[in-house]
Amino acid sequence: MDWEQVKKWRKTAGIFLVICFFGMFILIYAKIFVIFYNNYGTHKKVFGATYMTMNNQYYKILNNEIRRQIEKKGDRLLTLDPALDQDKQNQQIQYLIEQNVDAIFLNPVDWKEVGPGLEAAKKAGIPVIVLDAPVYQKELAATTIVSDNYQAGVQCAKDMMKKRKSANIVLLTHKEAKSGVDRIQGFLDTIEGHTEYQVIAETDTQGQIERALPKVEQIIEEHTYIDVIMALNDPAAMGALAALDSKNCREGVLVYGVDGSPEAKKLIAEGMMTGTSAQFPKKIGAQAIKSAYQILNGEEIDANVVIPVEMITKNNIEEFDISRWQ
């Protein structure tokens, strides 16, 4: 091989090495770009959620289902607890607006007084998905997803009427929550016209065990004969049971709730609680997520979605998993 051929070979080899170097550089750069784009190049959606209280396992289960679905898509959820304070919840909605969330999941403390928060979200162009309890200004919500709360009250009343031909009834309510109002109204409408069923006392417990217990104790002191206690939810029903136990007068009293919580189902299985109209928080959560992403994708959705409820008593308790929510 003469000198000219050597120089030619070296030049070719040099060009080849340069091409290989730049090729490797481009591949490395492309890989880094793909990683960066996947992590930072796309808009990660951020959702906000505020429930009337997290001092209720139902809302924890509902929120966990929503969080699970959101994080599976690589997005993020900010959850806030107003602790039954509507002014605080309106402030939380404003905070979520300032965080520039893509959508807000809302379970209102007060179905009317939540209006300023709804108006602020509407003005900011942030869709609100209302859960579990409707709001008064429905037009400000992108969609409302609730259990059939009225039917829950109807189911409890019908079961009671099968078990008692007459009854003195105590109602445990939560008048600021439309879901609670609808449950009690369903119960009352079902017994309307049946004078053998009399409501002898009513008290607002806000659906909390610790508020129901002392109020029911007071009612027991004021009324000698109580046959039935209809509570707007399971926590209030369990507070009533504790009050009956504390006064040593639980025997023969029918106690109803709404939720279908594991604790209530266990009490039903043990014969301590009469029945509960079961909600399905996992279904509500799944529907909430589906609707939220449809809204953000510009798709049309139903303004109102109602999830059926199911009555649980000792007669069918074996059909349900006592250890978890349905």
C-alpha atoms as a PDB file:
ATOM      1  CA  MET A   1       0.000   0.000   0.000  1.00  0.00           C
ATOM      2  CA  ASP A   2       1.541   3.322  -1.081  1.00  0.00           C
ATOM      3  CA  TRP A   3       1.429   6.562   0.916  1.00  0.00           C
ATOM      4  CA  GLU A   4      -1.502   8.004  -1.076  1.00  0.00           C
ATOM      5  CA  GLN A   5      -3.629   4.982  -0.282  1.00  0.00           C
ATOM      6  CA  VAL A   6      -2.751   5.238   3.400  1.00  0.00           C
ATOM      7  CA  LYS A   7      -3.798   8.883   3.489  1.00  0.00           C
ATOM      8  CA  LYS A   8      -7.025   8.044   1.669  1.00  0.00           C
ATOM      9  CA  TRP A   9      -7.781   5.240   4.126  1.00  0.00           C
ATOM     10  CA  ARG A  10      -7.071   7.478   7.111  1.00  0.00           C
ATOM     11  CA  LYS A  11      -9.362  10.161   5.728  1.00  0.00           C
ATOM     12  CA  THR A  12     -12.178   7.647   5.168  1.00  0.00           C
ATOM     13  CA  ALA A  13     -11.693   6.191   8.642  1.00  0.00           C
ATOM     14  CA  GLY A  14     -11.726   9.681  10.141  1.00  0.00           C
ATOM     15  CA  ILE A  15     -14.940  10.571   8.393  1.00  0.00           C
ATOM     16  CA  PHE A  16     -16.478   7.303   9.573  1.00  0.00           C
ATOM     17  CA  LEU A  17     -15.447   7.969  13.172  1.00  0.00           C
ATOM     18  CA  VAL A  18     -16.863  11.494  13.010  1.00  0.00           C
ATOM     19  CA  ILE A  19     -20.154  10.138  11.631  1.00  0.00           C
ATOM     20  CA  CYS A  20     -20.269   7.507  14.396  1.00  0.00           C
ATOM     21  CA  PHE A  21     -19.542  10.124  17.052  1.00  0.00           C
ATOM     22  CA  PHE A  22     -22.251  12.465  15.855  1.00  0.00           C
ATOM     23  CA  GLY A  23     -24.638   9.523  15.433  1.00  0.00           C
ATOM     24  CA  MET A  24     -24.070   8.470  19.047  1.00  0.00           C
ATOM     25  CA  PHE A  25     -24.462  12.093  20.181  1.00  0.00           C
ATOM     26  CA  ILE A  26     -27.778  12.393  18.340  1.00  0.00           C
ATOM     27  CA  LEU A  27     -29.035   9.101  19.816  1.00  0.00           C
ATOM     28  CA  ILE A  28     -28.099  10.168  23.357  1.00  0.00           C
ATOM     29  CA  TYR A  29     -29.688  13.576  22.829  1.00  0.00           C
ATOM     30  CA  ALA A  30     -32.836  11.988  21.433  1.00  0.00           C
ATOM     31  CA  LYS A  31     -33.088   9.655  24.423  1.00  0.00           C
ATOM     32  CA  ILE A  32     -32.663  12.554  26.871  1.00  0.00           C
ATOM     33  CA  PHE A  33     -35.264  14.550  24.945  1.00  0.00           C
ATOM     34  CA  VAL A  34     -37.782  11.689  25.086  1.00  0.00           C
ATOM     35  CA  ILE A  35     -37.261  11.274  28.844  1.00  0.00           C
ATOM     36  CA  PHE A  36     -37.586  15.016  29.424  1.00  0.00           C
ATOM     37  CA  TYR A  37     -40.681  15.253  27.209  1.00  0.00           C
ATOM     38  CA  ASN A  38     -42.370  12.343  28.945  1.00  0.00           C
ATOM     39  CA  ASN A  39     -41.783  13.898  32.355  1.00  0.00           C
ATOM     40  CA  TYR A  40     -42.056  17.601  31.669  1.00  0.00           C
ATOM     41  CA  GLY A  41     -43.100  18.166  28.076  1.00  0.00           C
ATOM     42  CA  THR A  42     -46.757  17.276  28.547  1.00  0.00           C
ATOM     43  CA  HIS A  43     -49.239  19.088  30.763  1.00  0.00           C
ATOM     44  CA  LYS A  44     -49.825  17.044  33.891  1.00  0.00           C
ATOM     45  CA  LYS A  45     -53.386  17.597  35.001  1.00  0.00           C
ATOM     46  CA  VAL A  46     -54.008  18.699  38.568  1.00  0.00           C
ATOM     47  CA  PHE A  47     -57.394  18.187  40.192  1.00  0.00           C
ATOM     48  CA  GLY A  48     -58.766  19.611  43.416  1.00  0.00           C
ATOM     49  CA  ALA A  49     -61.239  18.018  45.820  1.00  0.00           C
ATOM     50  CA  THR A  50     -63.075  19.340  48.861  1.00  0.00           C
ATOM     51  CA  TYR A  51     -65.595  17.233  50.790  1.00  0.00           C
ATOM     52  CA  MET A  52     -67.897  18.431  53.586  1.00  0.00           C
ATOM     53  CA  THR A  53     -65.822  16.404  56.070  1.00  0.00           C
ATOM     54  CA  MET A  54     -63.177  13.716  56.034  1.00  0.00           C
ATOM     55  CA  ASN A  55     -64.443  12.561  59.436  1.00  0.00           C
ATOM     56  CA  ASN A  56     -66.499   9.981  57.551  1.00  0.00           C
ATOM     57  CA  GLN A  57     -65.119   6.806  55.975  1.00  0.00           C
ATOM     58  CA  TYR A  58     -67.488   7.187  53.029  1.00  0.00           C
ATOM     59  CA  TYR A  59     -65.676  10.297  51.787  1.00  0.00           C
ATOM     60  CA  LYS A  60     -62.286   8.704  52.359  1.00  0.00           C
ATOM     61  CA  ILE A  61     -63.270   5.734  50.189  1.00  0.00           C
ATOM     62  CA  LEU A  62     -64.705   8.048  47.529  1.00  0.00           C
ATOM     63  CA  ASN A  63     -61.570  10.208  47.528  1.00  0.00           C
ATOM     64  CA  ASN A  64     -59.245   7.178  47.435  1.00  0.00           C
ATOM     65  CA  GLU A  65     -61.019   5.849  44.344  1.00  0.00           C
ATOM     66  CA  ILE A  66     -60.698   9.216  42.598  1.00  0.00           C
ATOM     67  CA  ARG A  67     -57.029   9.528  43.598  1.00  0.00           C
ATOM     68  CA  ARG A  68     -56.256   6.007  42.389  1.00  0.00           C
ATOM     69  CA  GLN A  69     -57.726   6.677  38.956  1.00  0.00           C
ATOM     70  CA  ILE A  70     -56.026  10.067  38.638  1.00  0.00           C
ATOM     71  CA  GLU A  71     -52.573   8.857  39.641  1.00  0.00           C
ATOM     72  CA  LYS A  72     -52.902   5.896  37.284  1.00  0.00           C
ATOM     73  CA  LYS A  73     -53.011   8.462  34.482  1.00  0.00           C
ATOM     74  CA  GLY A  74     -49.938  10.242  35.870  1.00  0.00           C
ATOM     75  CA  ASP A  75     -51.922  13.225  37.131  1.00  0.00           C
ATOM     76  CA  ARG A  76     -52.299  14.715  40.606  1.00  0.00           C
ATOM     77  CA  LEU A  77     -55.071  15.317  43.179  1.00  0.00           C
ATOM     78  CA  LEU A  78     -55.170  17.956  45.936  1.00  0.00           C
ATOM     79  CA  THR A  79     -57.678  17.006  48.660  1.00  0.00           C
ATOM     80  CA  LEU A  80     -58.930  19.480  51.272  1.00  0.00           C
ATOM     81  CA  ASP A  81     -61.171  19.101  54.331  1.00  0.00           C
ATOM     82  CA  PRO A  82     -63.386  22.038  55.419  1.00  0.00           C
ATOM     83  CA  ALA A  83     -64.569  20.129  58.522  1.00  0.00           C
ATOM     84  CA  LEU A  84     -68.268  21.035  58.005  1.00  0.00           C
ATOM     85  CA  ASP A  85     -67.465  24.761  57.660  1.00  0.00           C
ATOM     86  CA  GLN A  86     -68.953  26.255  54.481  1.00  0.00           C
ATOM     87  CA  ASP A  87     -66.977  29.512  54.714  1.00  0.00           C
ATOM     88  CA  LYS A  88     -63.809  27.445  54.905  1.00  0.00           C
ATOM     89  CA  GLN A  89     -64.903  25.336  51.936  1.00  0.00           C
ATOM     90  CA  ASN A  90     -65.491  28.460  49.836  1.00  0.00           C
ATOM     91  CA  GLN A  91     -61.968  29.580  50.775  1.00  0.00           C
ATOM     92  CA  GLN A  92     -60.651  26.172  49.744  1.00  0.00           C
ATOM     93  CA  ILE A  93     -62.340  26.488  46.351  1.00  0.00           C
ATOM     94  CA  GLN A  94     -60.643  29.875  45.920  1.00  0.00           C
ATOM     95  CA  TYR A  95     -57.311  28.300  46.881  1.00  0.00           C
ATOM     96  CA  LEU A  96     -57.773  25.560  44.274  1.00  0.00           C
ATOM     97  CA  ILE A  97     -58.577  28.217  41.676  1.00  0.00           C
ATOM     98  CA  GLU A  98     -55.320  30.003  42.562  1.00  0.00           C
ATOM     99  CA  GLN A  99     -53.484  26.695  42.129  1.00  0.00           C
ATOM    100  CA  ASN A 100     -54.864  26.656  38.582  1.00  0.00           C
ATOM    101  CA  VAL A 101     -56.359  23.176  38.907  1.00  0.00           C
ATOM    102  CA  ASP A 102     -57.968  21.677  35.824  1.00  0.00           C
ATOM    103  CA  ALA A 103     -61.187  20.629  37.606  1.00  0.00           C
ATOM    104  CA  ILE A 104     -62.681  20.525  41.103  1.00  0.00           C
ATOM    105  CA  PHE A 105     -64.528  17.659  42.775  1.00  0.00           C
ATOM    106  CA  LEU A 106     -66.986  19.144  45.262  1.00  0.00           C
ATOM    107  CA  ASN A 107     -69.113  17.676  48.019  1.00  0.00           C
ATOM    108  CA  PRO A 108     -70.802  20.772  49.517  1.00  0.00           C
ATOM    109  CA  VAL A 109     -71.101  21.473  53.223  1.00  0.00           C
ATOM    110  CA  ASP A 110     -74.189  23.617  52.630  1.00  0.00           C
ATOM    111  CA  TRP A 111     -75.955  23.109  49.319  1.00  0.00           C
ATOM    112  CA  LYS A 112     -77.000  26.783  49.145  1.00  0.00           C
ATOM    113  CA  GLU A 113     -74.146  28.659  50.833  1.00  0.00           C
ATOM    114  CA  VAL A 114     -71.567  27.026  48.546  1.00  0.00           C
ATOM    115  CA  GLY A 115     -72.814  29.387  45.815  1.00  0.00           C
ATOM    116  CA  PRO A 116     -69.933  31.942  46.027  1.00  0.00           C
ATOM    117  CA  GLY A 117     -67.389  29.155  45.594  1.00  0.00           C
ATOM    118  CA  LEU A 118     -69.242  27.777  42.564  1.00  0.00           C
ATOM    119  CA  GLU A 119     -69.480  31.245  41.025  1.00  0.00           C
ATOM    120  CA  ALA A 120     -65.750  31.833  41.504  1.00  0.00           C
ATOM    121  CA  ALA A 121     -64.888  28.539  39.806  1.00  0.00           C
ATOM    122  CA  LYS A 122     -67.271  29.311  36.947  1.00  0.00           C
ATOM    123  CA  LYS A 123     -65.673  32.741  36.465  1.00  0.00           C
ATOM    124  CA  ALA A 124     -62.222  31.125  36.399  1.00  0.00           C
ATOM    125  CA  GLY A 125     -63.363  28.633  33.771  1.00  0.00           C
ATOM    126  CA  ILE A 126     -62.749  25.625  36.025  1.00  0.00           C
ATOM    127  CA  PRO A 127     -65.376  22.862  35.797  1.00  0.00           C
ATOM    128  CA  VAL A 128     -66.888  21.613  39.060  1.00  0.00           C
ATOM    129  CA  ILE A 129     -67.985  17.986  39.436  1.00  0.00           C
ATOM    130  CA  VAL A 130     -70.489  17.821  42.311  1.00  0.00           C
ATOM    131  CA  LEU A 131     -70.482  14.556  44.267  1.00  0.00           C
ATOM    132  CA  ASP A 132     -72.883  12.828  46.673  1.00  0.00           C
ATOM    133  CA  ALA A 133     -75.006  15.892  47.507  1.00  0.00           C
ATOM    134  CA  PRO A 134     -76.486  18.309  44.929  1.00  0.00           C
ATOM    135  CA  VAL A 135     -76.007  22.072  45.004  1.00  0.00           C
ATOM    136  CA  TYR A 136     -78.823  24.622  44.822  1.00  0.00           C
ATOM    137  CA  GLN A 137     -77.368  26.391  41.764  1.00  0.00           C
ATOM    138  CA  LYS A 138     -77.131  23.302  39.568  1.00  0.00           C
ATOM    139  CA  GLU A 139     -76.334  25.369  36.496  1.00  0.00           C
ATOM    140  CA  LEU A 140     -72.935  26.242  37.998  1.00  0.00           C
ATOM    141  CA  ALA A 141     -71.909  22.577  38.112  1.00  0.00           C
ATOM    142  CA  ALA A 142     -70.507  20.798  35.072  1.00  0.00           C
ATOM    143  CA  THR A 143     -72.180  17.603  36.277  1.00  0.00           C
ATOM    144  CA  THR A 144     -73.749  16.228  39.457  1.00  0.00           C
ATOM    145  CA  ILE A 145     -73.163  12.609  40.475  1.00  0.00           C
ATOM    146  CA  VAL A 146     -75.180  11.342  43.438  1.00  0.00           C
ATOM    147  CA  SER A 147     -76.706   8.253  44.972  1.00  0.00           C
ATOM    148  CA  ASP A 148     -80.491   7.923  44.722  1.00  0.00           C
ATOM    149  CA  ASN A 149     -80.842   9.580  48.118  1.00  0.00           C
ATOM    150  CA  TYR A 150     -84.621   9.894  48.029  1.00  0.00           C
ATOM    151  CA  GLN A 151     -84.981   6.188  47.283  1.00  0.00           C
ATOM    152  CA  ALA A 152     -82.669   5.379  50.209  1.00  0.00           C
ATOM    153  CA  GLY A 153     -85.230   6.908  52.562  1.00  0.00           C
ATOM    154  CA  VAL A 154     -88.058   5.100  50.804  1.00  0.00           C
ATOM    155  CA  GLN A 155     -86.281   1.750  51.211  1.00  0.00           C
ATOM    156  CA  CYS A 156     -85.790   2.255  54.944  1.00  0.00           C
ATOM    157  CA  ALA A 157     -89.425   3.260  55.439  1.00  0.00           C
ATOM    158  CA  LYS A 158     -90.748   0.274  53.505  1.00  0.00           C
ATOM    159  CA  ASP A 159     -88.607  -2.130  55.517  1.00  0.00           C
ATOM    160  CA  MET A 160     -89.794  -0.521  58.751  1.00  0.00           C
ATOM    161  CA  MET A 161     -93.438  -0.838  57.695  1.00  0.00           C
ATOM    162  CA  LYS A 162     -92.929  -4.550  57.095  1.00  0.00           C
ATOM    163  CA  LYS A 163     -91.519  -4.981  60.597  1.00  0.00           C
ATOM    164  CA  ARG A 164     -93.806  -2.653  62.575  1.00  0.00           C
ATOM    165  CA  LYS A 165     -97.541  -2.066  62.172  1.00  0.00           C
ATOM    166  CA  SER A 166     -97.167   1.181  64.129  1.00  0.00           C
ATOM    167  CA  ALA A 167     -94.231   3.164  65.474  1.00  0.00           C
ATOM    168  CA  ASN A 168     -93.026   6.219  67.350  1.00  0.00           C
ATOM    169  CA  ILE A 169     -90.197   7.512  65.187  1.00  0.00           C
ATOM    170  CA  VAL A 170     -87.131   9.668  65.826  1.00  0.00           C
ATOM    171  CA  LEU A 171     -85.438  11.365  62.849  1.00  0.00           C
ATOM    172  CA  LEU A 172     -81.732  12.239  62.780  1.00  0.00           C
ATOM    173  CA  THR A 173     -81.169  14.845  60.092  1.00  0.00           C
ATOM    174  CA  HIS A 174     -78.616  17.114  58.430  1.00  0.00           C
ATOM    175  CA  LYS A 175     -80.552  20.008  56.926  1.00  0.00           C
ATOM    176  CA  GLU A 176     -77.606  21.760  55.281  1.00  0.00           C
ATOM    177  CA  ALA A 177     -76.852  18.703  53.112  1.00  0.00           C
ATOM    178  CA  LYS A 178     -79.358  18.113  50.308  1.00  0.00           C
ATOM    179  CA  SER A 179     -78.488  14.410  50.281  1.00  0.00           C
ATOM    180  CA  GLY A 180     -79.579  14.126  53.917  1.00  0.00           C
ATOM    181  CA  VAL A 181     -82.705  16.186  53.274  1.00  0.00           C
ATOM    182  CA  ASP A 182     -83.711  13.937  50.368  1.00  0.00           C
ATOM    183  CA  ARG A 183     -83.227  10.734  52.395  1.00  0.00           C
ATOM    184  CA  ILE A 184     -85.436  11.928  55.215  1.00  0.00           C
ATOM    185  CA  GLN A 185     -88.005  13.272  52.747  1.00  0.00           C
ATOM    186  CA  GLY A 186     -88.160   9.887  51.012  1.00  0.00           C
ATOM    187  CA  PHE A 187     -88.825   8.268  54.384  1.00  0.00           C
ATOM    188  CA  LEU A 188     -91.522  10.800  55.318  1.00  0.00           C
ATOM    189  CA  ASP A 189     -93.280  10.633  51.964  1.00  0.00           C
ATOM    190  CA  THR A 190     -93.490   6.857  52.258  1.00  0.00           C
ATOM    191  CA  ILE A 191     -95.212   6.919  55.661  1.00  0.00           C
ATOM    192  CA  GLU A 192     -97.412   9.900  54.771  1.00  0.00           C
ATOM    193  CA  GLY A 193    -101.085   9.132  55.277  1.00  0.00           C
ATOM    194  CA  HIS A 194    -100.292   6.268  57.647  1.00  0.00           C
ATOM    195  CA  THR A 195    -101.260   7.777  60.984  1.00  0.00           C
ATOM    196  CA  GLU A 196    -100.044   4.722  62.847  1.00  0.00           C
ATOM    197  CA  TYR A 197     -96.501   5.974  62.191  1.00  0.00           C
ATOM    198  CA  GLN A 198     -95.733   9.127  64.171  1.00  0.00           C
ATOM    199  CA  VAL A 199     -92.569  11.247  64.197  1.00  0.00           C
ATOM    200  CA  ILE A 200     -92.183  12.172  67.859  1.00  0.00           C
ATOM    201  CA  ALA A 201     -88.768  13.890  67.681  1.00  0.00           C
ATOM    202  CA  GLU A 202     -86.283  15.244  65.192  1.00  0.00           C
ATOM    203  CA  THR A 203     -82.751  16.569  65.663  1.00  0.00           C
ATOM    204  CA  ASP A 204     -79.943  17.738  63.382  1.00  0.00           C
ATOM    205  CA  THR A 205     -76.788  15.677  63.922  1.00  0.00           C
ATOM    206  CA  GLN A 206     -74.810  16.772  60.821  1.00  0.00           C
ATOM    207  CA  GLY A 207     -74.333  13.066  60.216  1.00  0.00           C
ATOM    208  CA  GLN A 208     -71.722  12.734  62.961  1.00  0.00           C
ATOM    209  CA  ILE A 209     -71.498  10.003  65.636  1.00  0.00           C
ATOM    210  CA  GLU A 210     -70.292  12.390  68.327  1.00  0.00           C
ATOM    211  CA  ARG A 211     -73.175  14.784  67.684  1.00  0.00           C
ATOM    212  CA  ALA A 212     -75.866  12.107  67.411  1.00  0.00           C
ATOM    213  CA  LEU A 213     -74.999  10.370  70.697  1.00  0.00           C
ATOM    214  CA  PRO A 214     -75.773  13.205  73.180  1.00  0.00           C
ATOM    215  CA  LYS A 215     -78.778  14.413  71.190  1.00  0.00           C
ATOM    216  CA  VAL A 216     -80.373  10.974  71.112  1.00  0.00           C
ATOM    217  CA  GLU A 217     -79.651  10.547  74.815  1.00  0.00           C
ATOM    218  CA  GLN A 218     -81.599  13.760  75.423  1.00  0.00           C
ATOM    219  CA  ILE A 219     -84.498  12.535  73.281  1.00  0.00           C
ATOM    220  CA  ILE A 220     -84.585   9.241  75.211  1.00  0.00           C
ATOM    221  CA  GLU A 221     -84.922  11.200  78.457  1.00  0.00           C
ATOM    222  CA  GLU A 222     -87.825  13.195  77.003  1.00  0.00           C
ATOM    223  CA  HIS A 223     -89.752  10.297  75.392  1.00  0.00           C
ATOM    224  CA  THR A 224     -90.698   7.049  77.103  1.00  0.00           C
ATOM    225  CA  TYR A 225     -91.578   5.030  73.999  1.00  0.00           C
ATOM    226  CA  ILE A 226     -89.291   5.021  70.965  1.00  0.00           C
ATOM    227  CA  ASP A 227     -89.787   2.293  68.373  1.00  0.00           C
ATOM    228  CA  VAL A 228     -87.712   3.461  65.394  1.00  0.00           C
ATOM    229  CA  ILE A 229     -84.740   5.740  64.752  1.00  0.00           C
ATOM    230  CA  MET A 230     -84.214   6.793  61.152  1.00  0.00           C
ATOM    231  CA  ALA A 231     -80.787   8.377  60.615  1.00  0.00           C
ATOM    232  CA  LEU A 232     -79.636  10.173  57.508  1.00  0.00           C
ATOM    233  CA  ASN A 233     -76.419   8.108  57.447  1.00  0.00           C
ATOM    234  CA  ASP A 234     -74.615   5.252  59.177  1.00  0.00           C
ATOM    235  CA  PRO A 235     -72.454   7.383  61.521  1.00  0.00           C
ATOM    236  CA  ALA A 236     -75.566   9.060  62.952  1.00  0.00           C
ATOM    237  CA  ALA A 237     -77.230   5.646  63.270  1.00  0.00           C
ATOM    238  CA  MET A 238     -74.222   4.330  65.183  1.00  0.00           C
ATOM    239  CA  GLY A 239     -74.361   7.355  67.463  1.00  0.00           C
ATOM    240  CA  ALA A 240     -78.017   6.499  68.116  1.00  0.00           C
ATOM    241  CA  LEU A 241     -77.097   2.898  68.960  1.00  0.00           C
ATOM    242  CA  ALA A 242     -74.478   4.121  71.425  1.00  0.00           C
ATOM    243  CA  ALA A 243     -77.076   6.381  73.055  1.00  0.00           C
ATOM    244  CA  LEU A 244     -79.592   3.544  73.329  1.00  0.00           C
ATOM    245  CA  ASP A 245     -76.912   1.359  74.921  1.00  0.00           C
ATOM    246  CA  SER A 246     -75.913   4.090  77.358  1.00  0.00           C
ATOM    247  CA  LYS A 247     -79.546   4.391  78.463  1.00  0.00           C
ATOM    248  CA  ASN A 248     -80.015   0.614  78.478  1.00  0.00           C
ATOM    249  CA  CYS A 249     -82.991   0.755  76.115  1.00  0.00           C
ATOM    250  CA  ARG A 250     -81.797  -0.612  72.778  1.00  0.00           C
ATOM    251  CA  GLU A 251     -83.935  -3.769  72.881  1.00  0.00           C
ATOM    252  CA  GLY A 252     -86.813  -3.667  70.403  1.00  0.00           C
ATOM    253  CA  VAL A 253     -85.807  -0.358  68.774  1.00  0.00           C
ATOM    254  CA  LEU A 254     -85.303  -0.458  64.996  1.00  0.00           C
ATOM    255  CA  VAL A 255     -82.337   1.647  63.853  1.00  0.00           C
ATOM    256  CA  TYR A 256     -81.804   2.567  60.196  1.00  0.00           C
ATOM    257  CA  GLY A 257     -78.990   4.363  58.406  1.00  0.00           C
ATOM    258  CA  VAL A 258     -77.814   5.125  54.887  1.00  0.00           C
ATOM    259  CA  ASP A 259     -74.368   4.306  53.490  1.00  0.00           C
ATOM    260  CA  GLY A 260     -73.749   0.544  53.655  1.00  0.00           C
ATOM    261  CA  SER A 261     -70.504   1.052  55.558  1.00  0.00           C
ATOM    262  CA  PRO A 262     -68.518  -1.972  56.779  1.00  0.00           C
ATOM    263  CA  GLU A 263     -69.237  -0.973  60.388  1.00  0.00           C
ATOM    264  CA  ALA A 264     -72.991  -0.810  59.769  1.00  0.00           C
ATOM    265  CA  LYS A 265     -73.003  -4.134  57.933  1.00  0.00           C
ATOM    266  CA  LYS A 266     -71.200  -5.752  60.852  1.00  0.00           C
ATOM    267  CA  LEU A 267     -73.797  -4.351  63.271  1.00  0.00           C
ATOM    268  CA  ILE A 268     -76.597  -5.656  61.051  1.00  0.00           C
ATOM    269  CA  ALA A 269     -74.994  -9.098  60.935  1.00  0.00           C
ATOM    270  CA  GLU A 270     -74.788  -9.057  64.742  1.00  0.00           C
ATOM    271  CA  GLY A 271     -78.455  -8.054  65.058  1.00  0.00           C
ATOM    272  CA  MET A 272     -77.716  -4.665  66.630  1.00  0.00           C
ATOM    273  CA  MET A 273     -78.693  -2.437  63.674  1.00  0.00           C
ATOM    274  CA  THR A 274     -81.819  -3.044  61.572  1.00  0.00           C
ATOM    275  CA  GLY A 275     -80.806  -1.887  58.114  1.00  0.00           C
ATOM    276  CA  THR A 276     -78.916   0.503  55.881  1.00  0.00           C
ATOM    277  CA  SER A 277     -79.524   1.651  52.337  1.00  0.00           C
ATOM    278  CA  ALA A 278     -76.184   1.057  50.660  1.00  0.00           C
ATOM    279  CA  GLN A 279     -74.368   3.617  48.559  1.00  0.00           C
ATOM    280  CA  PHE A 280     -71.610   2.685  46.133  1.00  0.00           C
ATOM    281  CA  PRO A 281     -68.772   5.222  46.588  1.00  0.00           C
ATOM    282  CA  LYS A 282     -66.411   3.354  44.252  1.00  0.00           C
ATOM    283  CA  LYS A 283     -68.966   3.612  41.440  1.00  0.00           C
ATOM    284  CA  ILE A 284     -69.457   7.312  42.156  1.00  0.00           C
ATOM    285  CA  GLY A 285     -65.686   7.848  42.146  1.00  0.00           C
ATOM    286  CA  ALA A 286     -65.240   5.972  38.864  1.00  0.00           C
ATOM    287  CA  GLN A 287     -68.047   7.978  37.255  1.00  0.00           C
ATOM    288  CA  ALA A 288     -66.568  11.226  38.600  1.00  0.00           C
ATOM    289  CA  ILE A 289     -63.192  10.534  36.991  1.00  0.00           C
ATOM    290  CA  LYS A 290     -64.758   9.468  33.710  1.00  0.00           C
ATOM    291  CA  SER A 291     -66.832  12.651  33.592  1.00  0.00           C
ATOM    292  CA  ALA A 292     -63.892  14.885  34.551  1.00  0.00           C
ATOM    293  CA  TYR A 293     -61.680  13.695  31.709  1.00  0.00           C
ATOM    294  CA  GLN A 294     -64.585  13.823  29.258  1.00  0.00           C
ATOM    295  CA  ILE A 295     -65.180  17.460  30.219  1.00  0.00           C
ATOM    296  CA  LEU A 296     -61.488  18.325  29.762  1.00  0.00           C
ATOM    297  CA  ASN A 297     -61.526  16.591  26.368  1.00  0.00           C
ATOM    298  CA  GLY A 298     -64.472  18.735  25.287  1.00  0.00           C
ATOM    299  CA  GLU A 299     -66.953  15.855  25.246  1.00  0.00           C
ATOM    300  CA  GLU A 300     -70.648  16.122  26.052  1.00  0.00           C
ATOM    301  CA  ILE A 301     -71.716  14.551  29.369  1.00  0.00           C
ATOM    302  CA  ASP A 302     -74.915  14.096  31.350  1.00  0.00           C
ATOM    303  CA  ALA A 303     -75.718  16.982  33.668  1.00  0.00           C
ATOM    304  CA  ASN A 304     -77.053  14.580  36.296  1.00  0.00           C
ATOM    305  CA  VAL A 305     -76.038  11.007  37.088  1.00  0.00           C
ATOM    306  CA  VAL A 306     -77.915   9.020  39.742  1.00  0.00           C
ATOM    307  CA  ILE A 307     -76.383   5.827  41.161  1.00  0.00           C
ATOM    308  CA  PRO A 308     -78.959   3.306  42.510  1.00  0.00           C
ATOM    309  CA  VAL A 309     -78.936   2.297  46.191  1.00  0.00           C
ATOM    310  CA  GLU A 310     -79.646  -1.127  47.699  1.00  0.00           C
ATOM    311  CA  MET A 311     -81.274  -2.037  50.990  1.00  0.00           C
ATOM    312  CA  ILE A 312     -79.239  -4.219  53.348  1.00  0.00           C
ATOM    313  CA  THR A 313     -80.872  -6.071  56.241  1.00  0.00           C
ATOM    314  CA  LYS A 314     -80.156  -9.283  58.105  1.00  0.00           C
ATOM    315  CA  ASN A 315     -82.122 -11.115  55.381  1.00  0.00           C
ATOM    316  CA  ASN A 316     -79.538 -10.356  52.669  1.00  0.00           C
ATOM    317  CA  ILE A 317     -76.397  -9.378  54.587  1.00  0.00           C
ATOM    318  CA  GLU A 318     -74.622 -12.528  53.373  1.00  0.00           C
ATOM    319  CA  GLU A 319     -74.742 -11.156  49.821  1.00  0.00           C
ATOM    320  CA  PHE A 320     -72.392  -8.314  50.810  1.00  0.00           C
ATOM    321  CA  ASP A 321     -68.751  -8.178  51.861  1.00  0.00           C
ATOM    322  CA  ILE A 322     -68.888  -6.995  55.474  1.00  0.00           C
ATOM    323  CA  SER A 323     -65.205  -6.051  55.538  1.00  0.00           C
ATOM    324  CA  ARG A 324     -65.284  -3.381  52.834  1.00  0.00           C
ATOM    325  CA  TRP A 325     -67.351  -0.825  50.951  1.00  0.00           C
ATOM    326  CA  GLN A 326     -69.235  -1.881  47.849  1.00  0.00           C
END
